[in-house]
N, C-alpha and C. Protein backbone atom coordinates (compact mmCIF):
# COMPACT_ATOMS: atom_id res chain seq x y z
N MET A 1 75.64 68.84 64.68
CA MET A 1 76.24 69.98 65.37
C MET A 1 76.01 69.86 66.85
N SER A 2 77.13 69.89 67.65
CA SER A 2 76.86 69.80 69.09
C SER A 2 76.64 71.19 69.71
N ARG A 3 75.88 71.15 70.73
CA ARG A 3 75.46 72.42 71.37
C ARG A 3 76.53 72.80 72.36
N LYS A 4 76.95 74.06 72.36
CA LYS A 4 77.95 74.57 73.31
C LYS A 4 77.36 74.67 74.70
N THR A 5 78.08 74.39 75.73
CA THR A 5 77.62 74.57 77.09
C THR A 5 77.65 76.06 77.43
N THR A 6 76.56 76.54 77.94
CA THR A 6 76.49 77.92 78.34
C THR A 6 76.75 78.04 79.82
N ALA A 7 76.94 79.27 80.27
CA ALA A 7 77.10 79.45 81.71
C ALA A 7 75.85 79.02 82.47
N LEU A 8 74.72 79.20 81.90
CA LEU A 8 73.46 78.78 82.57
C LEU A 8 73.44 77.22 82.68
N ASP A 9 73.87 76.55 81.61
CA ASP A 9 73.89 75.04 81.71
C ASP A 9 74.87 74.62 82.83
N ALA A 10 75.98 75.24 82.89
CA ALA A 10 76.99 74.87 83.90
C ALA A 10 76.47 75.25 85.26
N PHE A 11 75.84 76.35 85.45
CA PHE A 11 75.26 76.78 86.70
C PHE A 11 74.26 75.76 87.20
N ILE A 12 73.31 75.37 86.30
CA ILE A 12 72.26 74.45 86.65
C ILE A 12 72.88 73.09 87.05
N ALA A 13 73.90 72.67 86.31
CA ALA A 13 74.56 71.35 86.63
C ALA A 13 75.22 71.40 88.01
N ARG A 14 75.92 72.51 88.33
CA ARG A 14 76.56 72.64 89.65
C ARG A 14 75.53 72.70 90.75
N LYS A 15 74.43 73.44 90.45
CA LYS A 15 73.32 73.53 91.46
C LYS A 15 72.78 72.10 91.77
N ALA A 16 72.60 71.36 90.73
CA ALA A 16 72.11 69.98 90.90
C ALA A 16 73.03 69.14 91.75
N GLU A 17 74.36 69.32 91.56
CA GLU A 17 75.37 68.62 92.36
C GLU A 17 75.16 69.00 93.87
N ILE A 18 75.07 70.33 94.09
CA ILE A 18 74.93 70.81 95.46
C ILE A 18 73.61 70.31 96.09
N ASP A 19 72.55 70.35 95.34
CA ASP A 19 71.25 69.87 95.88
C ASP A 19 71.30 68.37 96.23
N ALA A 20 72.03 67.60 95.46
CA ALA A 20 72.16 66.16 95.71
C ALA A 20 72.96 65.92 96.98
N MET A 21 74.03 66.73 97.08
CA MET A 21 74.89 66.63 98.32
C MET A 21 74.16 67.00 99.55
N LEU A 22 73.36 68.13 99.47
CA LEU A 22 72.55 68.53 100.59
C LEU A 22 71.54 67.51 101.04
N ALA A 23 70.89 66.88 99.99
CA ALA A 23 69.88 65.93 100.30
C ALA A 23 70.51 64.71 100.97
N ARG A 24 71.67 64.21 100.53
CA ARG A 24 72.38 63.11 101.14
C ARG A 24 72.77 63.48 102.60
N LEU A 25 73.26 64.66 102.77
CA LEU A 25 73.70 65.09 104.16
C LEU A 25 72.46 65.18 105.07
N GLN A 26 71.34 65.70 104.58
CA GLN A 26 70.12 65.84 105.35
C GLN A 26 69.65 64.40 105.76
N SER A 27 69.69 63.45 104.87
CA SER A 27 69.27 62.12 105.15
C SER A 27 70.20 61.45 106.20
N LEU A 28 71.52 61.70 105.99
CA LEU A 28 72.46 61.14 106.97
C LEU A 28 72.27 61.74 108.39
N SER A 29 72.01 63.08 108.37
CA SER A 29 71.70 63.69 109.68
C SER A 29 70.52 63.15 110.38
N GLU A 30 69.42 62.90 109.53
CA GLU A 30 68.23 62.37 110.14
C GLU A 30 68.44 60.98 110.72
N GLU A 31 69.51 60.26 110.23
CA GLU A 31 69.86 58.91 110.71
C GLU A 31 70.98 59.04 111.73
N HIS A 32 71.14 60.26 112.30
CA HIS A 32 72.21 60.50 113.33
C HIS A 32 73.58 60.09 112.85
N PHE A 33 73.85 60.32 111.62
CA PHE A 33 75.14 60.11 110.96
C PHE A 33 75.59 58.61 111.15
N GLY A 34 74.56 57.74 111.14
CA GLY A 34 74.83 56.31 111.20
C GLY A 34 75.38 55.80 112.52
N VAL A 35 75.18 56.58 113.62
CA VAL A 35 75.70 56.19 114.87
C VAL A 35 74.45 56.13 115.89
N SER A 36 74.37 54.98 116.55
CA SER A 36 73.34 54.83 117.53
C SER A 36 73.78 55.57 118.90
N PRO A 37 72.85 56.00 119.70
CA PRO A 37 73.24 56.75 120.89
C PRO A 37 74.23 55.97 121.81
N ASP A 38 74.04 54.66 121.82
CA ASP A 38 74.93 53.84 122.67
C ASP A 38 76.34 53.66 122.15
N GLU A 39 76.56 54.09 120.89
CA GLU A 39 77.87 53.92 120.21
C GLU A 39 78.65 55.23 120.13
N VAL A 40 78.11 56.32 120.51
CA VAL A 40 78.72 57.64 120.27
C VAL A 40 80.05 57.73 121.10
N THR A 41 81.12 58.11 120.35
CA THR A 41 82.41 58.38 120.99
C THR A 41 82.84 59.80 120.74
N TRP A 42 83.91 60.18 121.35
CA TRP A 42 84.48 61.54 121.08
C TRP A 42 84.92 61.64 119.66
N GLY A 43 85.32 60.52 119.10
CA GLY A 43 85.64 60.55 117.65
C GLY A 43 84.55 60.91 116.77
N HIS A 44 83.32 60.54 117.11
CA HIS A 44 82.11 60.91 116.36
C HIS A 44 81.88 62.45 116.54
N VAL A 45 82.09 62.90 117.79
CA VAL A 45 81.97 64.32 118.05
C VAL A 45 82.96 65.13 117.18
N GLY A 46 84.20 64.59 117.11
CA GLY A 46 85.21 65.28 116.28
C GLY A 46 84.78 65.29 114.79
N ASP A 47 84.25 64.19 114.36
CA ASP A 47 83.82 64.14 112.94
C ASP A 47 82.76 65.20 112.68
N LEU A 48 81.75 65.31 113.60
CA LEU A 48 80.71 66.32 113.38
C LEU A 48 81.27 67.71 113.50
N ALA A 49 82.20 67.89 114.36
CA ALA A 49 82.82 69.24 114.46
C ALA A 49 83.51 69.63 113.13
N HIS A 50 84.16 68.64 112.53
CA HIS A 50 84.85 68.90 111.23
C HIS A 50 83.78 69.21 110.13
N TYR A 51 82.68 68.42 110.15
CA TYR A 51 81.64 68.67 109.18
C TYR A 51 81.07 70.07 109.34
N ALA A 52 80.75 70.42 110.62
CA ALA A 52 80.20 71.69 110.93
C ALA A 52 81.07 72.84 110.51
N GLU A 53 82.37 72.73 110.73
CA GLU A 53 83.35 73.83 110.45
C GLU A 53 83.37 73.92 108.89
N SER A 54 83.42 72.79 108.16
CA SER A 54 83.40 72.89 106.71
C SER A 54 82.16 73.50 106.18
N LEU A 55 81.00 73.18 106.74
CA LEU A 55 79.71 73.78 106.31
C LEU A 55 79.67 75.23 106.62
N LYS A 56 80.23 75.57 107.84
CA LYS A 56 80.20 77.02 108.23
C LYS A 56 81.03 77.83 107.23
N GLN A 57 82.18 77.33 106.78
CA GLN A 57 82.93 78.06 105.77
C GLN A 57 82.14 78.27 104.54
N ILE A 58 81.45 77.30 104.04
CA ILE A 58 80.60 77.41 102.87
C ILE A 58 79.41 78.34 103.11
N SER A 59 78.77 78.26 104.29
CA SER A 59 77.68 79.14 104.59
C SER A 59 78.16 80.57 104.73
N ASP A 60 79.29 80.76 105.39
CA ASP A 60 79.78 82.14 105.46
C ASP A 60 80.10 82.72 104.11
N ALA A 61 80.66 81.97 103.22
CA ALA A 61 81.00 82.45 101.86
C ALA A 61 79.64 82.77 101.08
N ALA A 62 78.71 81.92 101.19
CA ALA A 62 77.43 82.08 100.52
C ALA A 62 76.64 83.31 101.01
N PHE A 63 76.70 83.54 102.29
CA PHE A 63 75.94 84.65 102.89
C PHE A 63 76.81 85.82 103.21
N LYS A 64 78.05 85.82 102.78
CA LYS A 64 79.02 86.87 103.01
C LYS A 64 79.11 87.27 104.49
N GLU A 65 79.32 86.22 105.31
CA GLU A 65 79.45 86.45 106.74
C GLU A 65 80.78 85.97 107.17
N GLY A 66 81.04 86.18 108.50
CA GLY A 66 82.40 85.74 109.02
C GLY A 66 83.55 86.41 108.25
N GLU A 67 84.51 85.63 107.90
CA GLU A 67 85.66 86.19 107.17
C GLU A 67 85.34 86.70 105.81
N HIS A 68 84.19 86.31 105.34
CA HIS A 68 83.76 86.74 103.97
C HIS A 68 82.80 87.98 104.03
N ALA A 69 82.64 88.56 105.21
CA ALA A 69 81.78 89.73 105.34
C ALA A 69 82.40 90.89 104.59
N GLU A 70 81.56 91.65 103.98
CA GLU A 70 82.07 92.82 103.23
C GLU A 70 82.16 94.06 104.09
């Protein structure tokens, strides 16, 4: 008999996915997103701006801030 997936199982699995992504992003950030200071271009700045905006949307939703404020 197979075990049914519960909401808790699914929640824990999704949390693990998020934790893994956050760990990878933290590691990449610590390595300056793979760019040495002598190689930084405005394109890299644009990439980071895009990442920051995407993370801000997630953060605002999680903390009910910005457009997600109640």
